[in-house]
PDB file of N, CA and C in Angstrom:
ATOM      1  N   MET A   1       6.820  55.431  25.483  1.00  0.00           N
ATOM      2  CA  MET A   1       7.139  54.273  23.789  1.00  0.00           C
ATOM      3  C   MET A   1       6.696  54.776  23.426  1.00  0.00           C
ATOM      4  N   GLU A   2       7.511  55.576  22.212  1.00  0.00           N
ATOM      5  CA  GLU A   2       7.011  55.770  21.390  1.00  0.00           C
ATOM      6  C   GLU A   2       7.372  54.647  21.088  1.00  0.00           C
ATOM      7  N   GLY A   3       6.504  54.324  19.300  1.00  0.00           N
ATOM      8  CA  GLY A   3       7.311  53.264  17.706  1.00  0.00           C
ATOM      9  C   GLY A   3       7.086  52.060  18.437  1.00  0.00           C
ATOM     10  N   ALA A   4       6.484  51.541  19.716  1.00  0.00           N
ATOM     11  CA  ALA A   4       5.970  50.641  20.236  1.00  0.00           C
ATOM     12  C   ALA A   4       5.313  49.551  19.360  1.00  0.00           C
ATOM     13  N   VAL A   5       5.026  48.772  19.625  1.00  0.00           N
ATOM     14  CA  VAL A   5       3.597  47.687  18.503  1.00  0.00           C
ATOM     15  C   VAL A   5       2.998  46.923  19.965  1.00  0.00           C
ATOM     16  N   LEU A   6       1.851  46.728  19.957  1.00  0.00           N
ATOM     17  CA  LEU A   6       1.325  45.797  20.494  1.00  0.00           C
ATOM     18  C   LEU A   6       1.392  44.050  20.436  1.00  0.00           C
ATOM     19  N   VAL A   7       1.659  43.570  21.117  1.00  0.00           N
ATOM     20  CA  VAL A   7       2.326  41.954  20.474  1.00  0.00           C
ATOM     21  C   VAL A   7       0.719  41.337  20.880  1.00  0.00           C
ATOM     22  N   ARG A   8       0.512  40.386  20.921  1.00  0.00           N
ATOM     23  CA  ARG A   8      -0.341  39.845  22.206  1.00  0.00           C
ATOM     24  C   ARG A   8       0.566  38.799  22.559  1.00  0.00           C
ATOM     25  N   GLN A   9      -0.108  37.656  23.740  1.00  0.00           N
ATOM     26  CA  GLN A   9       0.896  37.172  24.400  1.00  0.00           C
ATOM     27  C   GLN A   9       1.552  35.415  23.618  1.00  0.00           C
ATOM     28  N   LEU A  10       2.435  35.533  22.999  1.00  0.00           N
ATOM     29  CA  LEU A  10       3.298  34.961  21.015  1.00  0.00           C
ATOM     30  C   LEU A  10       2.592  33.202  22.360  1.00  0.00           C
ATOM     31  N   GLN A  11       2.511  31.631  21.922  1.00  0.00           N
ATOM     32  CA  GLN A  11       2.407  30.797  22.185  1.00  0.00           C
ATOM     33  C   GLN A  11       3.112  30.063  21.703  1.00  0.00           C
ATOM     34  N   PRO A  12       3.957  28.880  22.360  1.00  0.00           N
ATOM     35  CA  PRO A  12       5.439  27.902  21.673  1.00  0.00           C
ATOM     36  C   PRO A  12       5.477  28.108  20.520  1.00  0.00           C
ATOM     37  N   SER A  13       4.499  27.978  19.951  1.00  0.00           N
ATOM     38  CA  SER A  13       4.467  27.589  18.139  1.00  0.00           C
ATOM     39  C   SER A  13       4.051  28.170  17.416  1.00  0.00           C
ATOM     40  N   GLN A  14       3.826  29.109  17.898  1.00  0.00           N
ATOM     41  CA  GLN A  14       4.038  31.116  16.706  1.00  0.00           C
ATOM     42  C   GLN A  14       5.128  31.299  16.502  1.00  0.00           C
ATOM     43  N   THR A  15       5.405  32.120  15.402  1.00  0.00           N
ATOM     44  CA  THR A  15       6.205  33.311  15.519  1.00  0.00           C
ATOM     45  C   THR A  15       6.132  34.468  15.450  1.00  0.00           C
ATOM     46  N   LEU A  16       6.505  35.485  15.111  1.00  0.00           N
ATOM     47  CA  LEU A  16       6.273  36.924  15.871  1.00  0.00           C
ATOM     48  C   LEU A  16       5.434  37.252  15.302  1.00  0.00           C
ATOM     49  N   GLU A  17       5.797  36.845  13.174  1.00  0.00           N
ATOM     50  CA  GLU A  17       5.139  37.010  12.102  1.00  0.00           C
ATOM     51  C   GLU A  17       2.996  36.509  12.831  1.00  0.00           C
ATOM     52  N   GLN A  18       2.873  35.634  12.913  1.00  0.00           N
ATOM     53  CA  GLN A  18       1.566  35.246  13.553  1.00  0.00           C
ATOM     54  C   GLN A  18       1.759  36.157  14.215  1.00  0.00           C
ATOM     55  N   ALA A  19       1.817  36.379  15.456  1.00  0.00           N
ATOM     56  CA  ALA A  19       1.148  36.812  16.427  1.00  0.00           C
ATOM     57  C   ALA A  19       0.959  39.233  16.599  1.00  0.00           C
ATOM     58  N   VAL A  20       2.787  39.155  15.376  1.00  0.00           N
ATOM     59  CA  VAL A  20       1.750  40.886  14.675  1.00  0.00           C
ATOM     60  C   VAL A  20       0.956  40.920  13.794  1.00  0.00           C
ATOM     61  N   LEU A  21       0.604  39.421  12.337  1.00  0.00           N
ATOM     62  CA  LEU A  21      -0.076  40.113  11.276  1.00  0.00           C
ATOM     63  C   LEU A  21      -1.342  39.204  11.799  1.00  0.00           C
ATOM     64  N   PRO A  22      -2.921  39.706  10.953  1.00  0.00           N
ATOM     65  CA  PRO A  22      -4.267  39.095  11.123  1.00  0.00           C
ATOM     66  C   PRO A  22      -4.617  38.136  10.586  1.00  0.00           C
ATOM     67  N   PRO A  23      -5.022  37.214  10.977  1.00  0.00           N
ATOM     68  CA  PRO A  23      -4.402  35.714   9.946  1.00  0.00           C
ATOM     69  C   PRO A  23      -5.629  36.165   8.814  1.00  0.00           C
ATOM     70  N   ALA A  24      -4.628  35.252   7.602  1.00  0.00           N
ATOM     71  CA  ALA A  24      -4.503  35.761   6.022  1.00  0.00           C
ATOM     72  C   ALA A  24      -6.529  35.037   6.097  1.00  0.00           C
ATOM     73  N   ALA A  25      -7.228  35.725   4.463  1.00  0.00           N
ATOM     74  CA  ALA A  25      -8.337  34.780   4.935  1.00  0.00           C
ATOM     75  C   ALA A  25      -7.642  33.471   4.244  1.00  0.00           C
ATOM     76  N   LYS A  26      -8.953  33.222   4.013  1.00  0.00           N
ATOM     77  CA  LYS A  26      -9.007  31.285   3.432  1.00  0.00           C
ATOM     78  C   LYS A  26      -9.192  31.717   1.959  1.00  0.00           C
ATOM     79  N   LYS A  27      -7.967  30.918   1.816  1.00  0.00           N
ATOM     80  CA  LYS A  27      -7.574  30.161   0.404  1.00  0.00           C
ATOM     81  C   LYS A  27      -9.213  29.774  -0.649  1.00  0.00           C
ATOM     82  N   LYS A  28      -9.455  29.972  -1.274  1.00  0.00           N
ATOM     83  CA  LYS A  28     -10.406  29.097  -2.843  1.00  0.00           C
ATOM     84  C   LYS A  28      -9.712  28.129  -2.979  1.00  0.00           C
ATOM     85  N   THR A  29     -10.799  27.399  -3.329  1.00  0.00           N
ATOM     86  CA  THR A  29     -10.406  25.818  -3.460  1.00  0.00           C
ATOM     87  C   THR A  29     -10.249  24.980  -4.738  1.00  0.00           C
ATOM     88  N   LEU A  30      -9.427  24.946  -5.992  1.00  0.00           N
ATOM     89  CA  LEU A  30     -10.091  24.741  -7.398  1.00  0.00           C
ATOM     90  C   LEU A  30     -11.902  24.841  -7.549  1.00  0.00           C
ATOM     91  N   ARG A  31     -11.935  23.137  -6.540  1.00  0.00           N
ATOM     92  CA  ARG A  31     -13.597  22.890  -6.358  1.00  0.00           C
ATOM     93  C   ARG A  31     -14.562  24.135  -6.503  1.00  0.00           C
ATOM     94  N   ASP A  32     -14.349  25.012  -5.408  1.00  0.00           N
ATOM     95  CA  ASP A  32     -15.259  26.737  -5.113  1.00  0.00           C
ATOM     96  C   ASP A  32     -15.346  27.386  -7.088  1.00  0.00           C
ATOM     97  N   LEU A  33     -13.655  27.495  -7.203  1.00  0.00           N
ATOM     98  CA  LEU A  33     -12.891  28.285  -8.171  1.00  0.00           C
ATOM     99  C   LEU A  33     -13.960  27.669 -10.287  1.00  0.00           C
ATOM    100  N   LEU A  34     -14.562  26.409 -10.038  1.00  0.00           N
ATOM    101  CA  LEU A  34     -14.962  25.453 -10.400  1.00  0.00           C
ATOM    102  C   LEU A  34     -16.635  25.451 -10.644  1.00  0.00           C
ATOM    103  N   LYS A  35     -16.764  25.368  -8.996  1.00  0.00           N
ATOM    104  CA  LYS A  35     -18.356  25.252  -9.129  1.00  0.00           C
ATOM    105  C   LYS A  35     -19.050  26.989  -9.545  1.00  0.00           C
ATOM    106  N   SER A  36     -18.684  28.048  -9.475  1.00  0.00           N
ATOM    107  CA  SER A  36     -18.995  29.400  -9.580  1.00  0.00           C
ATOM    108  C   SER A  36     -18.447  29.453 -10.795  1.00  0.00           C
ATOM    109  N   ARG A  37     -17.801  28.878 -12.330  1.00  0.00           N
ATOM    110  CA  ARG A  37     -17.586  28.836 -13.390  1.00  0.00           C
ATOM    111  C   ARG A  37     -19.109  27.935 -14.311  1.00  0.00           C
ATOM    112  N   THR A  38     -19.255  26.928 -13.133  1.00  0.00           N
ATOM    113  CA  THR A  38     -20.599  26.319 -13.662  1.00  0.00           C
ATOM    114  C   THR A  38     -21.345  25.846 -13.590  1.00  0.00           C
ATOM    115  N   ARG A  39     -21.669  27.341 -12.316  1.00  0.00           N
ATOM    116  CA  ARG A  39     -23.101  27.631 -12.898  1.00  0.00           C
ATOM    117  C   ARG A  39     -23.125  28.512 -13.137  1.00  0.00           C
ATOM    118  N   THR A  40     -22.440  29.763 -14.293  1.00  0.00           N
ATOM    119  CA  THR A  40     -22.366  30.501 -14.562  1.00  0.00           C
ATOM    120  C   THR A  40     -22.883  29.829 -15.997  1.00  0.00           C
ATOM    121  N   SER A  41     -22.159  28.731 -16.679  1.00  0.00           N
ATOM    122  CA  SER A  41     -22.720  28.408 -18.028  1.00  0.00           C
ATOM    123  C   SER A  41     -23.643  28.204 -18.332  1.00  0.00           C
ATOM    124  N   SER A  42     -23.884  27.240 -16.852  1.00  0.00           N
ATOM    125  CA  SER A  42     -25.153  26.308 -17.477  1.00  0.00           C
ATOM    126  C   SER A  42     -26.384  27.454 -17.340  1.00  0.00           C
ATOM    127  N   ALA A  43     -26.476  28.207 -17.476  1.00  0.00           N
ATOM    128  CA  ALA A  43     -27.744  29.290 -16.575  1.00  0.00           C
ATOM    129  C   ALA A  43     -27.311  30.001 -17.618  1.00  0.00           C
ATOM    130  N   THR A  44     -26.815  30.573 -19.385  1.00  0.00           N
ATOM    131  CA  THR A  44     -26.524  30.835 -20.213  1.00  0.00           C
ATOM    132  C   THR A  44     -26.892  29.986 -20.901  1.00  0.00           C
ATOM    133  N   VAL A  45     -27.378  29.141 -21.324  1.00  0.00           N
ATOM    134  CA  VAL A  45     -27.690  27.725 -22.172  1.00  0.00           C
ATOM    135  C   VAL A  45     -29.002  27.265 -21.567  1.00  0.00           C
ATOM    136  N   PRO A  46     -30.439  27.715 -22.229  1.00  0.00           N
ATOM    137  CA  PRO A  46     -31.767  27.318 -21.636  1.00  0.00           C
ATOM    138  C   PRO A  46     -31.599  26.414 -21.666  1.00  0.00           C
ATOM    139  N   LYS A  47     -32.874  25.159 -20.745  1.00  0.00           N
ATOM    140  CA  LYS A  47     -32.758  23.457 -20.280  1.00  0.00           C
ATOM    141  C   LYS A  47     -32.353  23.039 -21.147  1.00  0.00           C
ATOM    142  N   ARG A  48     -34.286  23.905 -21.947  1.00  0.00           N
ATOM    143  CA  ARG A  48     -35.007  22.879 -23.685  1.00  0.00           C
ATOM    144  C   ARG A  48     -33.139  23.322 -24.532  1.00  0.00           C
ATOM    145  N   VAL A  49     -32.136  23.657 -25.239  1.00  0.00           N
ATOM    146  CA  VAL A  49     -31.949  24.006 -25.339  1.00  0.00           C
ATOM    147  C   VAL A  49     -30.524  22.702 -24.989  1.00  0.00           C
ATOM    148  N   ARG A  50     -30.445  22.815 -23.951  1.00  0.00           N
ATOM    149  CA  ARG A  50     -29.610  21.216 -23.009  1.00  0.00           C
ATOM    150  C   ARG A  50     -30.202  19.839 -23.537  1.00  0.00           C
ATOM    151  N   ALA A  51     -31.470  19.613 -23.263  1.00  0.00           N
ATOM    152  CA  ALA A  51     -32.252  18.901 -23.839  1.00  0.00           C
ATOM    153  C   ALA A  51     -32.056  18.142 -24.910  1.00  0.00           C
ATOM    154  N   GLU A  52     -32.304  19.264 -25.446  1.00  0.00           N
ATOM    155  CA  GLU A  52     -32.635  19.101 -27.305  1.00  0.00           C
ATOM    156  C   GLU A  52     -30.897  18.840 -27.743  1.00  0.00           C
ATOM    157  N   LEU A  53     -30.163  19.001 -27.365  1.00  0.00           N
ATOM    158  CA  LEU A  53     -28.561  18.939 -27.361  1.00  0.00           C
ATOM    159  C   LEU A  53     -28.026  17.253 -27.043  1.00  0.00           C
ATOM    160  N   GLU A  54     -28.701  17.680 -25.865  1.00  0.00           N
ATOM    161  CA  GLU A  54     -27.711  16.276 -25.059  1.00  0.00           C
ATOM    162  C   GLU A  54     -29.560  14.764 -26.499  1.00  0.00           C
ATOM    163  N   LEU A  55     -29.898  14.737 -26.366  1.00  0.00           N
ATOM    164  CA  LEU A  55     -30.874  13.992 -27.067  1.00  0.00           C
ATOM    165  C   LEU A  55     -30.453  13.468 -28.458  1.00  0.00           C
ATOM    166  N   THR A  56     -30.222  14.936 -29.219  1.00  0.00           N
ATOM    167  CA  THR A  56     -29.528  14.930 -30.192  1.00  0.00           C
ATOM    168  C   THR A  56     -28.509  13.677 -30.356  1.00  0.00           C
ATOM    169  N   ARG A  57     -27.143  14.018 -29.439  1.00  0.00           N
ATOM    170  CA  ARG A  57     -26.429  13.267 -28.760  1.00  0.00           C
ATOM    171  C   ARG A  57     -26.520  11.829 -28.671  1.00  0.00           C
ATOM    172  N   TYR A  58     -27.132  11.603 -28.284  1.00  0.00           N
ATOM    173  CA  TYR A  58     -27.851  10.684 -27.402  1.00  0.00           C
ATOM    174  C   TYR A  58     -28.641   9.460 -29.066  1.00  0.00           C
ATOM    175  N   LEU A  59     -28.803  10.085 -29.432  1.00  0.00           N
ATOM    176  CA  LEU A  59     -29.590   9.404 -30.524  1.00  0.00           C
ATOM    177  C   LEU A  59     -28.568   9.559 -31.807  1.00  0.00           C
ATOM    178  N   GLN A  60     -27.262   9.303 -31.940  1.00  0.00           N
ATOM    179  CA  GLN A  60     -26.002   9.598 -32.602  1.00  0.00           C
ATOM    180  C   GLN A  60     -25.310   8.464 -32.714  1.00  0.00           C
ATOM    181  N   GLU A  61     -25.889   7.866 -30.696  1.00  0.00           N
ATOM    182  CA  GLU A  61     -25.035   6.683 -29.948  1.00  0.00           C
ATOM    183  C   GLU A  61     -24.971   5.619 -30.775  1.00  0.00           C
ATOM    184  N   GLU A  62     -24.098   4.664 -31.234  1.00  0.00           N
ATOM    185  CA  GLU A  62     -24.368   3.480 -31.557  1.00  0.00           C
ATOM    186  C   GLU A  62     -25.294   2.260 -30.672  1.00  0.00           C
ATOM    187  N   PRO A  63     -26.521   2.168 -31.460  1.00  0.00           N
ATOM    188  CA  PRO A  63     -26.735   0.732 -29.985  1.00  0.00           C
ATOM    189  C   PRO A  63     -26.532   0.002 -29.157  1.00  0.00           C
ATOM    190  N   ILE A  64     -26.893  -0.641 -28.734  1.00  0.00           N
ATOM    191  CA  ILE A  64     -26.435  -1.657 -27.677  1.00  0.00           C
ATOM    192  C   ILE A  64     -26.652  -2.343 -28.259  1.00  0.00           C
ATOM    193  N   ASP A  65     -25.473  -2.866 -27.282  1.00  0.00           N
ATOM    194  CA  ASP A  65     -25.884  -4.822 -27.083  1.00  0.00           C
ATOM    195  C   ASP A  65     -27.070  -5.513 -27.363  1.00  0.00           C
ATOM    196  N   PRO A  66     -28.036  -5.769 -27.642  1.00  0.00           N
ATOM    197  CA  PRO A  66     -28.951  -6.454 -27.126  1.00  0.00           C
ATOM    198  C   PRO A  66     -29.736  -7.804 -25.472  1.00  0.00           C
ATOM    199  N   ASN A  67     -27.825  -8.305 -25.498  1.00  0.00           N
ATOM    200  CA  ASN A  67     -27.860  -8.957 -24.162  1.00  0.00           C
ATOM    201  C   ASN A  67     -27.387  -8.275 -23.085  1.00  0.00           C
ATOM    202  N   GLU A  68     -26.968  -6.718 -23.920  1.00  0.00           N
ATOM    203  CA  GLU A  68     -26.984  -5.456 -22.384  1.00  0.00           C
ATOM    204  C   GLU A  68     -28.200  -5.273 -21.598  1.00  0.00           C
ATOM    205  N   ASN A  69     -27.794  -4.773 -20.603  1.00  0.00           N
ATOM    206  CA  ASN A  69     -28.767  -4.275 -19.939  1.00  0.00           C
ATOM    207  C   ASN A  69     -28.910  -3.210 -19.757  1.00  0.00           C
ATOM    208  N   PRO A  70     -29.816  -2.640 -20.554  1.00  0.00           N
ATOM    209  CA  PRO A  70     -30.198  -0.685 -20.353  1.00  0.00           C
ATOM    210  C   PRO A  70     -30.537  -0.458 -19.464  1.00  0.00           C
ATOM    211  N   LEU A  71     -30.504  -0.669 -18.410  1.00  0.00           N
ATOM    212  CA  LEU A  71     -30.605   0.263 -17.255  1.00  0.00           C
ATOM    213  C   LEU A  71     -28.147  -0.210 -16.454  1.00  0.00           C
ATOM    214  N   THR A  72     -28.076  -0.841 -16.625  1.00  0.00           N
ATOM    215  CA  THR A  72     -26.925  -0.708 -16.807  1.00  0.00           C
ATOM    216  C   THR A  72     -25.140   0.253 -17.574  1.00  0.00           C
ATOM    217  N   TRP A  73     -26.295   0.444 -19.425  1.00  0.00           N
ATOM    218  CA  TRP A  73     -25.699   0.934 -19.644  1.00  0.00           C
ATOM    219  C   TRP A  73     -25.131   2.362 -19.087  1.00  0.00           C
ATOM    220  N   TRP A  74     -27.116   3.006 -18.988  1.00  0.00           N
ATOM    221  CA  TRP A  74     -28.192   4.242 -17.743  1.00  0.00           C
ATOM    222  C   TRP A  74     -27.054   4.582 -17.001  1.00  0.00           C
ATOM    223  N   ARG A  75     -26.717   3.892 -16.316  1.00  0.00           N
ATOM    224  CA  ARG A  75     -26.305   4.355 -14.918  1.00  0.00           C
ATOM    225  C   ARG A  75     -24.759   4.096 -15.197  1.00  0.00           C
ATOM    226  N   ASN A  76     -23.814   4.347 -16.700  1.00  0.00           N
ATOM    227  CA  ASN A  76     -22.410   4.018 -16.983  1.00  0.00           C
ATOM    228  C   ASN A  76     -22.545   5.362 -17.238  1.00  0.00           C
ATOM    229  N   ASN A  77     -23.758   5.775 -18.278  1.00  0.00           N
ATOM    230  CA  ASN A  77     -23.045   6.784 -19.355  1.00  0.00           C
ATOM    231  C   ASN A  77     -24.491   8.014 -18.018  1.00  0.00           C
ATOM    232  N   HIS A  78     -24.256   8.002 -16.798  1.00  0.00           N
ATOM    233  CA  HIS A  78     -25.251   9.272 -16.779  1.00  0.00           C
ATOM    234  C   HIS A  78     -24.453  10.595 -16.402  1.00  0.00           C
ATOM    235  N   GLU A  79     -23.525  10.790 -16.316  1.00  0.00           N
ATOM    236  CA  GLU A  79     -22.354  11.435 -16.779  1.00  0.00           C
ATOM    237  C   GLU A  79     -22.855  12.354 -17.802  1.00  0.00           C
ATOM    238  N   ARG A  80     -22.888  11.845 -19.029  1.00  0.00           N
ATOM    239  CA  ARG A  80     -22.639  12.302 -19.757  1.00  0.00           C
ATOM    240  C   ARG A  80     -23.932  12.731 -20.503  1.00  0.00           C
ATOM    241  N   PHE A  81     -25.150  11.686 -20.300  1.00  0.00           N
ATOM    242  CA  PHE A  81     -27.245  12.042 -20.376  1.00  0.00           C
ATOM    243  C   PHE A  81     -27.145  12.802 -18.972  1.00  0.00           C
ATOM    244  N   PRO A  82     -26.971  13.832 -18.567  1.00  0.00           N
ATOM    245  CA  PRO A  82     -28.408  13.714 -17.459  1.00  0.00           C
ATOM    246  C   PRO A  82     -28.993  13.576 -17.467  1.00  0.00           C
ATOM    247  N   LEU A  83     -29.554  14.997 -18.282  1.00  0.00           N
ATOM    248  CA  LEU A  83     -31.582  15.204 -18.525  1.00  0.00           C
ATOM    249  C   LEU A  83     -31.789  13.609 -18.310  1.00  0.00           C
ATOM    250  N   LEU A  84     -31.251  13.210 -19.804  1.00  0.00           N
ATOM    251  CA  LEU A  84     -32.029  11.704 -19.774  1.00  0.00           C
ATOM    252  C   LEU A  84     -31.730  10.274 -18.853  1.00  0.00           C
ATOM    253  N   SER A  85     -30.969  10.699 -18.206  1.00  0.00           N
ATOM    254  CA  SER A  85     -31.140   9.714 -17.395  1.00  0.00           C
ATOM    255  C   SER A  85     -31.364   9.532 -15.698  1.00  0.00           C
ATOM    256  N   LYS A  86     -32.545  10.925 -16.241  1.00  0.00           N
ATOM    257  CA  LYS A  86     -33.652  10.907 -15.325  1.00  0.00           C
ATOM    258  C   LYS A  86     -34.444  10.441 -15.160  1.00  0.00           C
ATOM    259  N   VAL A  87     -35.005  10.561 -16.709  1.00  0.00           N
ATOM    260  CA  VAL A  87     -36.511   9.764 -17.645  1.00  0.00           C
ATOM    261  C   VAL A  87     -35.475   8.672 -17.498  1.00  0.00           C
ATOM    262  N   ALA A  88     -34.499   8.113 -18.082  1.00  0.00           N
ATOM    263  CA  ALA A  88     -34.121   6.096 -17.867  1.00  0.00           C
ATOM    264  C   ALA A  88     -34.173   5.623 -16.816  1.00  0.00           C
TER     265      ALA A  88
END
């Protein structure tokens, strides 16, 4: 049997290529790619510098309406000020 190729038994839903070729490697999702990028970018800036920048941005915000609940404001803005919102 010269030139013969060993093929697993085909399942009804398989094609010949699926039976001969090894399964493809799992593809990375966009979330996987962004997660690795986020980790490297935040690691390059020291936490103290990030905190100072966040505090500066917060102090430049317009004051909230005196009738507004401050906890509601922090809940709505926790993504903009992640470090400060933990203190609030």
